[in-house]
Amino acid sequence: MSIFQMILLGVTAFFAYKVFEHVQGLEDAKSEDEAPRRPVPVSPFDPQKLLEEADEAFKRGDLAHAARLLKEATVKDPKNPEILNKYAFILAKNGETENAITHYKTSIKADPNDDLTHISLAALLREKNRLYEAQEHIKAALDIDDNYEVTYFNYGNLLVDMNDPEGARMMYEKALYIKPDFHEAKEELDKLDEA
């Protein structure tokens, strides 16, 4: 074999190897495309992530930051009762009662069977002296769960504000029937007995 033939053989072998590498690279790329992809990390703008961050901010006592996060979460998921309720709670804590009432009402539209939302809304309505509207929500809460002593206690307080001491007495007694060691209900009942 001449030197020229050996060089030609070497060049051919080199190009054959490069073609092999290229084909192999194409097959590897194809198999990577077929491989299951890793899940994309949750965006910090995901409503659930915002909710978690808001919970952390609330625990730290940073109500303003919690409110901002929850406001953004309500924009991204406007019918999520959990987000709406937490936002309404923070708004109420910040003194934005009317805005809180609006968000609780939106939550009730999304989930009318949440007795705790009805109770929370009733408390804010009572605070605003919208007593009959508050009564509607207390009754709705009782229709959903008539075995929660706090609802009867709150109803008793509302009936005191509505100048119905006998109705209030019945509500406090029902609260005590469900939870005999409910001290606040006992105290309110004693106040009625003293009057």
N, C-alpha and C. Protein backbone atom coordinates (compact mmCIF):
# COMPACT_ATOMS: atom_id res chain seq x y z
N MET A 1 0.85 -1.15 0.00
CA MET A 1 0.00 0.00 0.00
C MET A 1 0.91 1.24 0.00
N SER A 2 0.58 2.17 -0.86
CA SER A 2 1.42 3.35 -0.96
C SER A 2 1.03 4.35 0.13
N ILE A 3 1.88 5.32 0.31
CA ILE A 3 1.63 6.34 1.33
C ILE A 3 0.36 7.10 0.96
N PHE A 4 0.17 7.35 -0.31
CA PHE A 4 -1.02 8.06 -0.75
C PHE A 4 -2.27 7.27 -0.40
N GLN A 5 -2.26 5.94 -0.60
CA GLN A 5 -3.41 5.10 -0.29
C GLN A 5 -3.65 5.06 1.21
N MET A 6 -2.58 5.07 1.99
CA MET A 6 -2.73 5.03 3.45
C MET A 6 -3.36 6.36 3.94
N ILE A 7 -2.94 7.45 3.34
CA ILE A 7 -3.53 8.74 3.73
C ILE A 7 -5.00 8.77 3.35
N LEU A 8 -5.28 8.28 2.12
CA LEU A 8 -6.65 8.23 1.66
C LEU A 8 -7.51 7.35 2.57
N LEU A 9 -6.98 6.23 3.02
CA LEU A 9 -7.69 5.32 3.94
C LEU A 9 -7.92 6.02 5.28
N GLY A 10 -6.91 6.72 5.78
CA GLY A 10 -7.04 7.45 7.04
C GLY A 10 -8.09 8.54 6.96
N VAL A 11 -8.10 9.30 5.86
CA VAL A 11 -9.08 10.36 5.67
C VAL A 11 -10.48 9.77 5.59
N THR A 12 -10.62 8.65 4.87
CA THR A 12 -11.92 8.00 4.74
C THR A 12 -12.40 7.52 6.10
N ALA A 13 -11.49 6.91 6.87
CA ALA A 13 -11.86 6.44 8.21
C ALA A 13 -12.27 7.62 9.09
N PHE A 14 -11.56 8.74 9.00
CA PHE A 14 -11.87 9.92 9.79
C PHE A 14 -13.27 10.44 9.46
N PHE A 15 -13.55 10.56 8.14
CA PHE A 15 -14.87 11.05 7.73
C PHE A 15 -15.98 10.07 8.11
N ALA A 16 -15.68 8.77 8.01
CA ALA A 16 -16.67 7.76 8.40
C ALA A 16 -16.99 7.91 9.90
N TYR A 17 -15.95 8.15 10.69
CA TYR A 17 -16.14 8.34 12.13
C TYR A 17 -16.97 9.59 12.40
N LYS A 18 -16.71 10.69 11.69
CA LYS A 18 -17.46 11.94 11.88
C LYS A 18 -18.92 11.76 11.48
N VAL A 19 -19.17 11.02 10.41
CA VAL A 19 -20.54 10.74 10.00
C VAL A 19 -21.23 9.92 11.09
N PHE A 20 -20.53 8.92 11.66
CA PHE A 20 -21.08 8.10 12.74
C PHE A 20 -21.43 8.97 13.94
N GLU A 21 -20.53 9.89 14.36
CA GLU A 21 -20.79 10.79 15.47
C GLU A 21 -22.03 11.64 15.22
N HIS A 22 -22.13 12.15 13.99
CA HIS A 22 -23.26 13.01 13.64
C HIS A 22 -24.59 12.24 13.73
N VAL A 23 -24.61 11.04 13.17
CA VAL A 23 -25.82 10.22 13.21
C VAL A 23 -26.15 9.87 14.65
N GLN A 24 -25.13 9.50 15.43
CA GLN A 24 -25.35 9.16 16.83
C GLN A 24 -25.91 10.35 17.60
N GLY A 25 -25.41 11.55 17.34
CA GLY A 25 -25.90 12.76 17.98
C GLY A 25 -27.35 13.04 17.66
N LEU A 26 -27.75 12.78 16.42
CA LEU A 26 -29.15 12.96 16.04
C LEU A 26 -30.04 11.99 16.79
N GLU A 27 -29.59 10.76 16.94
CA GLU A 27 -30.40 9.76 17.66
C GLU A 27 -30.49 10.11 19.14
N ASP A 28 -29.39 10.61 19.74
CA ASP A 28 -29.43 11.00 21.14
C ASP A 28 -30.40 12.16 21.35
N ALA A 29 -30.37 13.12 20.45
CA ALA A 29 -31.29 14.27 20.55
C ALA A 29 -32.73 13.80 20.45
N LYS A 30 -32.96 12.85 19.56
CA LYS A 30 -34.32 12.33 19.39
C LYS A 30 -34.78 11.63 20.66
N SER A 31 -33.91 10.84 21.28
CA SER A 31 -34.30 10.13 22.50
C SER A 31 -34.52 11.10 23.65
N GLU A 32 -33.79 12.23 23.67
CA GLU A 32 -34.03 13.23 24.71
C GLU A 32 -35.40 13.86 24.55
N ASP A 33 -35.82 14.07 23.29
CA ASP A 33 -37.14 14.64 23.04
C ASP A 33 -38.23 13.69 23.48
N GLU A 34 -37.98 12.40 23.34
CA GLU A 34 -38.98 11.40 23.71
C GLU A 34 -39.01 11.15 25.21
N ALA A 35 -37.93 11.48 25.89
CA ALA A 35 -37.86 11.25 27.34
C ALA A 35 -38.85 12.17 28.04
N PRO A 36 -39.42 11.68 29.14
CA PRO A 36 -40.35 12.54 29.88
C PRO A 36 -39.62 13.78 30.39
N ARG A 37 -40.27 14.89 30.24
CA ARG A 37 -39.66 16.14 30.68
C ARG A 37 -39.92 16.35 32.16
N ARG A 38 -39.01 17.03 32.79
CA ARG A 38 -39.18 17.38 34.20
C ARG A 38 -40.30 18.40 34.31
N PRO A 39 -41.07 18.31 35.39
CA PRO A 39 -42.14 19.30 35.53
C PRO A 39 -41.55 20.70 35.67
N VAL A 40 -42.26 21.64 35.09
CA VAL A 40 -41.84 23.03 35.19
C VAL A 40 -42.12 23.48 36.61
N PRO A 41 -41.17 24.15 37.26
CA PRO A 41 -41.43 24.60 38.62
C PRO A 41 -42.61 25.55 38.66
N VAL A 42 -43.32 25.55 39.79
CA VAL A 42 -44.51 26.38 39.95
C VAL A 42 -44.09 27.85 39.88
N SER A 43 -44.83 28.57 39.11
CA SER A 43 -44.56 30.00 38.96
C SER A 43 -44.83 30.71 40.28
N PRO A 44 -44.03 31.71 40.62
CA PRO A 44 -44.34 32.46 41.84
C PRO A 44 -45.66 33.22 41.72
N PHE A 45 -46.20 33.25 40.52
CA PHE A 45 -47.47 33.93 40.32
C PHE A 45 -48.65 32.96 40.34
N ASP A 46 -48.39 31.70 40.65
CA ASP A 46 -49.44 30.70 40.77
C ASP A 46 -50.30 31.06 41.99
N PRO A 47 -51.63 31.01 41.88
CA PRO A 47 -52.49 31.41 42.99
C PRO A 47 -52.22 30.63 44.29
N GLN A 48 -51.96 29.34 44.18
CA GLN A 48 -51.69 28.55 45.39
C GLN A 48 -50.38 28.98 46.03
N LYS A 49 -49.39 29.27 45.21
CA LYS A 49 -48.10 29.73 45.74
C LYS A 49 -48.28 31.09 46.42
N LEU A 50 -49.04 31.96 45.79
CA LEU A 50 -49.33 33.26 46.40
C LEU A 50 -50.05 33.10 47.73
N LEU A 51 -50.98 32.14 47.78
CA LEU A 51 -51.71 31.87 49.02
C LEU A 51 -50.76 31.41 50.12
N GLU A 52 -49.84 30.52 49.78
CA GLU A 52 -48.85 30.03 50.76
C GLU A 52 -47.97 31.17 51.25
N GLU A 53 -47.53 32.00 50.32
CA GLU A 53 -46.69 33.14 50.71
C GLU A 53 -47.46 34.13 51.58
N ALA A 54 -48.74 34.30 51.29
CA ALA A 54 -49.59 35.19 52.10
C ALA A 54 -49.75 34.64 53.51
N ASP A 55 -49.91 33.32 53.63
CA ASP A 55 -50.00 32.70 54.95
C ASP A 55 -48.74 32.96 55.76
N GLU A 56 -47.60 32.84 55.09
CA GLU A 56 -46.31 33.10 55.77
C GLU A 56 -46.22 34.56 56.20
N ALA A 57 -46.62 35.46 55.33
CA ALA A 57 -46.58 36.89 55.65
C ALA A 57 -47.50 37.18 56.84
N PHE A 58 -48.67 36.55 56.87
CA PHE A 58 -49.60 36.75 57.99
C PHE A 58 -48.99 36.25 59.29
N LYS A 59 -48.34 35.09 59.24
CA LYS A 59 -47.69 34.55 60.45
C LYS A 59 -46.61 35.49 60.97
N ARG A 60 -45.93 36.18 60.04
CA ARG A 60 -44.89 37.14 60.44
C ARG A 60 -45.50 38.46 60.92
N GLY A 61 -46.81 38.62 60.73
CA GLY A 61 -47.47 39.85 61.13
C GLY A 61 -47.44 40.93 60.06
N ASP A 62 -47.06 40.57 58.86
CA ASP A 62 -46.99 41.53 57.76
C ASP A 62 -48.31 41.50 56.97
N LEU A 63 -49.31 42.16 57.54
CA LEU A 63 -50.65 42.14 56.94
C LEU A 63 -50.68 42.84 55.59
N ALA A 64 -49.89 43.89 55.42
CA ALA A 64 -49.89 44.62 54.15
C ALA A 64 -49.38 43.72 53.02
N HIS A 65 -48.31 42.99 53.28
CA HIS A 65 -47.76 42.10 52.25
C HIS A 65 -48.73 40.94 51.98
N ALA A 66 -49.32 40.40 53.04
CA ALA A 66 -50.31 39.32 52.88
C ALA A 66 -51.47 39.81 52.02
N ALA A 67 -51.93 41.03 52.26
CA ALA A 67 -53.04 41.58 51.48
C ALA A 67 -52.67 41.73 50.01
N ARG A 68 -51.45 42.19 49.74
CA ARG A 68 -51.02 42.34 48.34
C ARG A 68 -50.98 41.00 47.63
N LEU A 69 -50.44 39.99 48.30
CA LEU A 69 -50.35 38.65 47.71
C LEU A 69 -51.74 38.07 47.46
N LEU A 70 -52.62 38.23 48.43
CA LEU A 70 -53.97 37.69 48.29
C LEU A 70 -54.77 38.44 47.23
N LYS A 71 -54.54 39.72 47.12
CA LYS A 71 -55.22 40.49 46.07
C LYS A 71 -54.81 39.96 44.70
N GLU A 72 -53.52 39.71 44.52
CA GLU A 72 -53.05 39.16 43.25
C GLU A 72 -53.63 37.77 43.02
N ALA A 73 -53.70 36.97 44.08
CA ALA A 73 -54.25 35.62 43.95
C ALA A 73 -55.72 35.66 43.54
N THR A 74 -56.48 36.64 44.07
CA THR A 74 -57.90 36.74 43.70
C THR A 74 -58.07 37.15 42.24
N VAL A 75 -57.11 37.90 41.72
CA VAL A 75 -57.17 38.27 40.31
C VAL A 75 -56.94 37.03 39.44
N LYS A 76 -56.01 36.17 39.87
CA LYS A 76 -55.66 34.99 39.09
C LYS A 76 -56.68 33.86 39.26
N ASP A 77 -57.32 33.80 40.42
CA ASP A 77 -58.31 32.75 40.68
C ASP A 77 -59.50 33.39 41.41
N PRO A 78 -60.35 34.14 40.68
CA PRO A 78 -61.37 34.97 41.31
C PRO A 78 -62.54 34.22 41.96
N LYS A 79 -62.61 32.90 41.79
CA LYS A 79 -63.73 32.15 42.37
C LYS A 79 -63.26 31.12 43.39
N ASN A 80 -62.05 31.27 43.89
CA ASN A 80 -61.50 30.34 44.86
C ASN A 80 -61.91 30.80 46.27
N PRO A 81 -62.83 30.06 46.92
CA PRO A 81 -63.33 30.49 48.24
C PRO A 81 -62.24 30.64 49.29
N GLU A 82 -61.26 29.77 49.28
CA GLU A 82 -60.20 29.86 50.29
C GLU A 82 -59.43 31.17 50.15
N ILE A 83 -59.08 31.51 48.92
CA ILE A 83 -58.36 32.76 48.69
C ILE A 83 -59.24 33.96 49.05
N LEU A 84 -60.49 33.92 48.60
CA LEU A 84 -61.41 35.03 48.88
C LEU A 84 -61.62 35.22 50.38
N ASN A 85 -61.77 34.12 51.11
CA ASN A 85 -62.00 34.22 52.56
C ASN A 85 -60.79 34.77 53.29
N LYS A 86 -59.61 34.31 52.90
CA LYS A 86 -58.40 34.81 53.56
C LYS A 86 -58.19 36.29 53.24
N TYR A 87 -58.47 36.66 52.00
CA TYR A 87 -58.33 38.07 51.63
C TYR A 87 -59.33 38.91 52.41
N ALA A 88 -60.56 38.45 52.50
CA ALA A 88 -61.59 39.18 53.25
C ALA A 88 -61.18 39.32 54.72
N PHE A 89 -60.63 38.26 55.28
CA PHE A 89 -60.19 38.30 56.68
C PHE A 89 -59.12 39.36 56.88
N ILE A 90 -58.13 39.39 55.97
CA ILE A 90 -57.04 40.37 56.07
C ILE A 90 -57.59 41.79 55.88
N LEU A 91 -58.50 41.94 54.92
CA LEU A 91 -59.11 43.26 54.70
C LEU A 91 -59.82 43.73 55.97
N ALA A 92 -60.56 42.85 56.60
CA ALA A 92 -61.27 43.21 57.83
C ALA A 92 -60.28 43.60 58.92
N LYS A 93 -59.19 42.84 59.03
CA LYS A 93 -58.15 43.16 60.02
C LYS A 93 -57.56 44.54 59.78
N ASN A 94 -57.46 44.91 58.50
CA ASN A 94 -56.91 46.21 58.13
C ASN A 94 -57.95 47.33 58.17
N GLY A 95 -59.17 47.01 58.63
CA GLY A 95 -60.21 48.02 58.76
C GLY A 95 -60.99 48.28 57.49
N GLU A 96 -60.79 47.48 56.47
CA GLU A 96 -61.51 47.66 55.20
C GLU A 96 -62.75 46.76 55.19
N THR A 97 -63.67 47.07 56.09
CA THR A 97 -64.83 46.21 56.32
C THR A 97 -65.71 46.05 55.09
N GLU A 98 -66.03 47.13 54.41
CA GLU A 98 -66.93 47.02 53.25
C GLU A 98 -66.30 46.16 52.14
N ASN A 99 -65.00 46.34 51.92
CA ASN A 99 -64.29 45.54 50.93
C ASN A 99 -64.28 44.07 51.36
N ALA A 100 -64.10 43.82 52.65
CA ALA A 100 -64.13 42.46 53.18
C ALA A 100 -65.51 41.83 52.97
N ILE A 101 -66.55 42.59 53.23
CA ILE A 101 -67.92 42.09 53.03
C ILE A 101 -68.12 41.68 51.58
N THR A 102 -67.65 42.51 50.66
CA THR A 102 -67.77 42.20 49.23
C THR A 102 -67.09 40.88 48.90
N HIS A 103 -65.90 40.66 49.44
CA HIS A 103 -65.16 39.43 49.13
C HIS A 103 -65.81 38.20 49.79
N TYR A 104 -66.35 38.36 50.99
CA TYR A 104 -67.07 37.24 51.60
C TYR A 104 -68.32 36.88 50.77
N LYS A 105 -69.00 37.89 50.26
CA LYS A 105 -70.19 37.62 49.44
C LYS A 105 -69.79 36.90 48.14
N THR A 106 -68.67 37.29 47.56
CA THR A 106 -68.18 36.61 46.35
C THR A 106 -67.85 35.17 46.67
N SER A 107 -67.26 34.94 47.83
CA SER A 107 -66.94 33.58 48.25
C SER A 107 -68.20 32.74 48.42
N ILE A 108 -69.22 33.33 48.99
CA ILE A 108 -70.48 32.60 49.19
C ILE A 108 -71.13 32.24 47.85
N LYS A 109 -70.99 33.13 46.86
CA LYS A 109 -71.50 32.80 45.53
C LYS A 109 -70.76 31.60 44.95
N ALA A 110 -69.45 31.52 45.23
CA ALA A 110 -68.64 30.40 44.73
C ALA A 110 -68.93 29.12 45.51
N ASP A 111 -69.18 29.24 46.82
CA ASP A 111 -69.47 28.08 47.66
C ASP A 111 -70.51 28.47 48.70
N PRO A 112 -71.80 28.35 48.36
CA PRO A 112 -72.85 28.76 49.28
C PRO A 112 -72.98 27.86 50.51
N ASN A 113 -72.31 26.73 50.53
CA ASN A 113 -72.45 25.78 51.64
C ASN A 113 -71.32 25.85 52.66
N ASP A 114 -70.65 26.98 52.74
CA ASP A 114 -69.58 27.15 53.72
C ASP A 114 -70.13 27.96 54.89
N ASP A 115 -70.47 27.26 55.97
CA ASP A 115 -71.08 27.93 57.11
C ASP A 115 -70.15 28.95 57.75
N LEU A 116 -68.84 28.68 57.75
CA LEU A 116 -67.90 29.61 58.39
C LEU A 116 -67.83 30.94 57.64
N THR A 117 -67.99 30.90 56.33
CA THR A 117 -68.01 32.15 55.56
C THR A 117 -69.26 32.94 55.91
N HIS A 118 -70.40 32.25 56.04
CA HIS A 118 -71.64 32.94 56.44
C HIS A 118 -71.47 33.57 57.83
N ILE A 119 -70.82 32.85 58.75
CA ILE A 119 -70.61 33.37 60.10
C ILE A 119 -69.71 34.60 60.07
N SER A 120 -68.63 34.51 59.30
CA SER A 120 -67.69 35.65 59.20
C SER A 120 -68.37 36.86 58.60
N LEU A 121 -69.14 36.63 57.55
CA LEU A 121 -69.86 37.73 56.91
C LEU A 121 -70.87 38.34 57.88
N ALA A 122 -71.59 37.50 58.59
CA ALA A 122 -72.58 37.99 59.55
C ALA A 122 -71.92 38.87 60.62
N ALA A 123 -70.73 38.48 61.07
CA ALA A 123 -70.03 39.27 62.09
C ALA A 123 -69.71 40.68 61.56
N LEU A 124 -69.27 40.76 60.31
CA LEU A 124 -68.95 42.07 59.74
C LEU A 124 -70.22 42.90 59.50
N LEU A 125 -71.28 42.24 59.07
CA LEU A 125 -72.54 42.95 58.86
C LEU A 125 -73.08 43.48 60.19
N ARG A 126 -72.93 42.69 61.23
CA ARG A 126 -73.35 43.13 62.57
C ARG A 126 -72.54 44.35 62.99
N GLU A 127 -71.24 44.31 62.73
CA GLU A 127 -70.36 45.43 63.06
C GLU A 127 -70.82 46.71 62.35
N LYS A 128 -71.35 46.57 61.14
CA LYS A 128 -71.83 47.71 60.36
C LYS A 128 -73.30 48.03 60.67
N ASN A 129 -73.85 47.36 61.67
CA ASN A 129 -75.24 47.55 62.11
C ASN A 129 -76.25 47.17 61.03
N ARG A 130 -75.87 46.26 60.17
CA ARG A 130 -76.79 45.73 59.15
C ARG A 130 -77.33 44.41 59.71
N LEU A 131 -78.14 44.54 60.74
CA LEU A 131 -78.52 43.41 61.59
C LEU A 131 -79.39 42.38 60.87
N TYR A 132 -80.34 42.82 60.08
CA TYR A 132 -81.22 41.85 59.42
C TYR A 132 -80.47 41.07 58.34
N GLU A 133 -79.57 41.74 57.68
CA GLU A 133 -78.74 41.05 56.69
C GLU A 133 -77.82 40.04 57.39
N ALA A 134 -77.30 40.43 58.54
CA ALA A 134 -76.45 39.51 59.33
C ALA A 134 -77.27 38.30 59.76
N GLN A 135 -78.50 38.53 60.17
CA GLN A 135 -79.37 37.44 60.61
C GLN A 135 -79.59 36.42 59.48
N GLU A 136 -79.74 36.90 58.25
CA GLU A 136 -79.92 35.99 57.12
C GLU A 136 -78.72 35.03 57.00
N HIS A 137 -77.53 35.57 57.21
CA HIS A 137 -76.33 34.73 57.07
C HIS A 137 -76.14 33.79 58.25
N ILE A 138 -76.54 34.23 59.44
CA ILE A 138 -76.49 33.32 60.60
C ILE A 138 -77.46 32.16 60.39
N LYS A 139 -78.65 32.47 59.89
CA LYS A 139 -79.63 31.41 59.63
C LYS A 139 -79.11 30.47 58.54
N ALA A 140 -78.46 31.01 57.52
CA ALA A 140 -77.89 30.17 56.46
C ALA A 140 -76.82 29.25 57.04
N ALA A 141 -76.01 29.77 57.96
CA ALA A 141 -74.98 28.95 58.61
C ALA A 141 -75.61 27.82 59.41
N LEU A 142 -76.70 28.12 60.11
CA LEU A 142 -77.40 27.09 60.88
C LEU A 142 -78.04 26.05 59.97
N ASP A 143 -78.52 26.48 58.81
CA ASP A 143 -79.08 25.51 57.85
C ASP A 143 -78.01 24.54 57.36
N ILE A 144 -76.79 25.02 57.26
CA ILE A 144 -75.68 24.19 56.79
C ILE A 144 -75.18 23.27 57.90
N ASP A 145 -75.00 23.84 59.10
CA ASP A 145 -74.50 23.05 60.24
C ASP A 145 -75.19 23.56 61.50
N ASP A 146 -76.16 22.80 61.99
CA ASP A 146 -76.90 23.22 63.18
C ASP A 146 -76.32 22.63 64.46
N ASN A 147 -75.06 22.21 64.39
CA ASN A 147 -74.43 21.61 65.57
C ASN A 147 -73.12 22.32 65.91
N TYR A 148 -73.01 23.60 65.56
CA TYR A 148 -71.80 24.36 65.85
C TYR A 148 -72.17 25.44 66.86
N GLU A 149 -71.65 25.29 68.07
CA GLU A 149 -72.03 26.15 69.19
C GLU A 149 -71.71 27.63 68.94
N VAL A 150 -70.66 27.91 68.20
CA VAL A 150 -70.27 29.30 67.95
C VAL A 150 -71.34 30.03 67.14
N THR A 151 -71.98 29.32 66.23
CA THR A 151 -73.05 29.96 65.44
C THR A 151 -74.19 30.39 66.35
N TYR A 152 -74.58 29.52 67.28
CA TYR A 152 -75.66 29.88 68.22
C TYR A 152 -75.23 31.04 69.11
N PHE A 153 -73.99 31.03 69.55
CA PHE A 153 -73.47 32.12 70.38
C PHE A 153 -73.52 33.44 69.61
N ASN A 154 -73.05 33.42 68.38
CA ASN A 154 -73.08 34.63 67.56
C ASN A 154 -74.52 35.09 67.29
N TYR A 155 -75.39 34.12 67.09
CA TYR A 155 -76.80 34.47 66.87
C TYR A 155 -77.37 35.11 68.13
N GLY A 156 -77.01 34.58 69.29
CA GLY A 156 -77.45 35.18 70.55
C GLY A 156 -76.98 36.62 70.67
N ASN A 157 -75.72 36.88 70.34
CA ASN A 157 -75.19 38.25 70.40
C ASN A 157 -75.95 39.16 69.43
N LEU A 158 -76.25 38.65 68.25
CA LEU A 158 -76.99 39.43 67.26
C LEU A 158 -78.39 39.75 67.77
N LEU A 159 -79.04 38.76 68.38
CA LEU A 159 -80.40 38.98 68.89
C LEU A 159 -80.40 39.97 70.05
N VAL A 160 -79.34 40.02 70.84
CA VAL A 160 -79.23 41.05 71.88
C VAL A 160 -79.23 42.42 71.22
N ASP A 161 -78.43 42.56 70.15
CA ASP A 161 -78.38 43.83 69.42
C ASP A 161 -79.73 44.17 68.79
N MET A 162 -80.51 43.15 68.47
CA MET A 162 -81.82 43.36 67.85
C MET A 162 -82.93 43.50 68.90
N ASN A 163 -82.53 43.64 70.18
CA ASN A 163 -83.48 43.80 71.29
C ASN A 163 -84.44 42.62 71.42
N ASP A 164 -83.91 41.42 71.28
CA ASP A 164 -84.70 40.20 71.43
C ASP A 164 -84.02 39.32 72.49
N PRO A 165 -84.14 39.71 73.77
CA PRO A 165 -83.44 38.97 74.82
C PRO A 165 -83.90 37.52 74.97
N GLU A 166 -85.18 37.26 74.72
CA GLU A 166 -85.66 35.87 74.84
C GLU A 166 -85.09 35.00 73.73
N GLY A 167 -85.03 35.54 72.52
CA GLY A 167 -84.42 34.80 71.42
C GLY A 167 -82.93 34.57 71.69
N ALA A 168 -82.27 35.59 72.25
CA ALA A 168 -80.86 35.47 72.58
C ALA A 168 -80.65 34.39 73.64
N ARG A 169 -81.52 34.38 74.64
CA ARG A 169 -81.43 33.36 75.70
C ARG A 169 -81.49 31.95 75.10
N MET A 170 -82.43 31.76 74.18
CA MET A 170 -82.55 30.43 73.55
C MET A 170 -81.26 30.05 72.80
N MET A 171 -80.66 31.01 72.12
CA MET A 171 -79.45 30.73 71.35
C MET A 171 -78.28 30.39 72.27
N TYR A 172 -78.14 31.14 73.37
CA TYR A 172 -77.06 30.84 74.32
C TYR A 172 -77.27 29.47 74.96
N GLU A 173 -78.53 29.14 75.26
CA GLU A 173 -78.82 27.82 75.84
C GLU A 173 -78.50 26.70 74.85
N LYS A 174 -78.77 26.92 73.56
CA LYS A 174 -78.43 25.91 72.55
C LYS A 174 -76.91 25.75 72.45
N ALA A 175 -76.20 26.87 72.53
CA ALA A 175 -74.74 26.80 72.48
C ALA A 175 -74.21 26.00 73.67
N LEU A 176 -74.79 26.23 74.84
CA LEU A 176 -74.36 25.50 76.04
C LEU A 176 -74.78 24.04 76.00
N TYR A 177 -75.88 23.75 75.35
CA TYR A 177 -76.31 22.36 75.21
C TYR A 177 -75.27 21.58 74.38
N ILE A 178 -74.79 22.22 73.31
CA ILE A 178 -73.79 21.56 72.45
C ILE A 178 -72.44 21.49 73.14
N LYS A 179 -72.08 22.59 73.84
CA LYS A 179 -70.77 22.64 74.52
C LYS A 179 -70.99 23.18 75.93
N PRO A 180 -71.21 22.30 76.89
CA PRO A 180 -71.53 22.74 78.25
C PRO A 180 -70.47 23.63 78.91
N ASP A 181 -69.22 23.53 78.48
CA ASP A 181 -68.18 24.37 79.09
C ASP A 181 -67.88 25.63 78.26
N PHE A 182 -68.85 26.09 77.50
CA PHE A 182 -68.70 27.28 76.67
C PHE A 182 -68.89 28.50 77.59
N HIS A 183 -67.79 28.97 78.16
CA HIS A 183 -67.83 30.01 79.20
C HIS A 183 -68.42 31.33 78.71
N GLU A 184 -68.08 31.71 77.49
CA GLU A 184 -68.59 32.99 76.96
C GLU A 184 -70.12 32.96 76.86
N ALA A 185 -70.67 31.84 76.43
CA ALA A 185 -72.13 31.72 76.32
C ALA A 185 -72.76 31.77 77.71
N LYS A 186 -72.12 31.15 78.68
CA LYS A 186 -72.61 31.16 80.06
C LYS A 186 -72.61 32.59 80.61
N GLU A 187 -71.53 33.32 80.34
CA GLU A 187 -71.45 34.71 80.81
C GLU A 187 -72.56 35.57 80.20
N GLU A 188 -72.80 35.41 78.91
CA GLU A 188 -73.85 36.20 78.25
C GLU A 188 -75.24 35.83 78.77
N LEU A 189 -75.44 34.55 79.03
CA LEU A 189 -76.70 34.10 79.61
C LEU A 189 -76.90 34.69 81.00
N ASP A 190 -75.82 34.72 81.79
CA ASP A 190 -75.90 35.33 83.13
C ASP A 190 -76.24 36.81 83.05
N LYS A 191 -75.68 37.51 82.07
CA LYS A 191 -75.98 38.94 81.88
C LYS A 191 -77.48 39.14 81.62
N LEU A 192 -78.04 38.24 80.80
CA LEU A 192 -79.47 38.34 80.51
C LEU A 192 -80.30 38.10 81.76
N ASP A 193 -79.86 37.16 82.60
CA ASP A 193 -80.59 36.86 83.85
C ASP A 193 -80.54 38.03 84.81
N GLU A 194 -79.43 38.78 84.78
CA GLU A 194 -79.26 39.94 85.70
C GLU A 194 -80.08 41.14 85.22
N ALA A 195 -80.39 41.20 83.95
CA ALA A 195 -81.09 42.37 83.40
C ALA A 195 -82.55 42.40 83.76
